[in-house]
Amino acid sequence: MRINNIRKALYAISKILGDVNAVKKGRVGKRIGRRVAGKGTGRMMRKLFK
């Protein structure tokens, strides 16, 4: 249980750091597009293998 909490926290931190890095480099639009595409793909895969 404890390892899952640590993993969750690390993923959250890395996501935030990735967002900050994208803002610094001016690639926010690209990052948002990829995130939306990834969520859509995940939803389709979920429906496919339900």
Protein backbone atom coordinates (compact mmCIF):
# COMPACT_ATOMS: atom_id res chain seq x y z
CA MET A 1 0.00 0.00 0.00
CA ARG A 2 2.74 2.41 0.93
CA ILE A 3 4.72 1.83 -2.29
CA ASN A 4 1.63 2.69 -4.34
CA ASN A 5 1.31 6.02 -2.54
CA ILE A 6 4.96 6.83 -3.18
CA ARG A 7 4.61 5.87 -6.84
CA LYS A 8 1.49 8.02 -7.19
CA ALA A 9 3.28 10.99 -5.64
CA LEU A 10 6.31 10.56 -7.91
CA TYR A 11 4.13 10.40 -11.03
CA ALA A 12 2.26 13.53 -9.94
CA ILE A 13 5.51 15.39 -9.35
CA SER A 14 6.92 14.33 -12.72
CA LYS A 15 3.72 15.44 -14.46
CA ILE A 16 3.99 18.87 -12.84
CA LEU A 17 7.68 19.15 -13.72
CA GLY A 18 6.87 18.21 -17.32
CA ASP A 19 4.25 20.96 -17.44
CA VAL A 20 6.70 23.51 -16.04
CA ASN A 21 9.33 22.43 -18.56
CA ALA A 22 6.83 22.74 -21.43
CA VAL A 23 5.92 26.27 -20.31
CA LYS A 24 9.60 27.25 -20.17
CA LYS A 25 10.27 25.92 -23.67
CA GLY A 26 7.01 27.23 -25.13
CA ARG A 27 5.61 23.82 -26.05
CA VAL A 28 2.42 23.86 -24.02
CA GLY A 29 0.11 23.33 -26.99
CA LYS A 30 2.02 20.26 -28.12
CA ARG A 31 1.91 18.82 -24.60
CA ILE A 32 -1.83 19.40 -24.24
CA GLY A 33 -2.43 17.79 -27.63
CA ARG A 34 -0.46 14.72 -26.68
CA ARG A 35 -2.23 14.43 -23.34
CA VAL A 36 -5.66 14.64 -25.00
CA ALA A 37 -4.62 12.08 -27.63
CA GLY A 38 -3.36 9.75 -24.92
CA LYS A 39 -6.59 9.97 -22.95
CA GLY A 40 -8.63 9.29 -26.08
CA THR A 41 -6.48 6.27 -26.93
CA GLY A 42 -6.86 4.97 -23.39
CA ARG A 43 -10.63 5.26 -23.56
CA MET A 44 -10.76 3.43 -26.89
CA MET A 45 -8.52 0.64 -25.58
CA ARG A 46 -10.69 0.33 -22.48
CA LYS A 47 -13.82 -0.11 -24.62
CA LEU A 48 -12.04 -2.55 -26.91
CA PHE A 49 -10.81 -4.85 -24.14
CA LYS A 50 -13.78 -4.59 -21.80
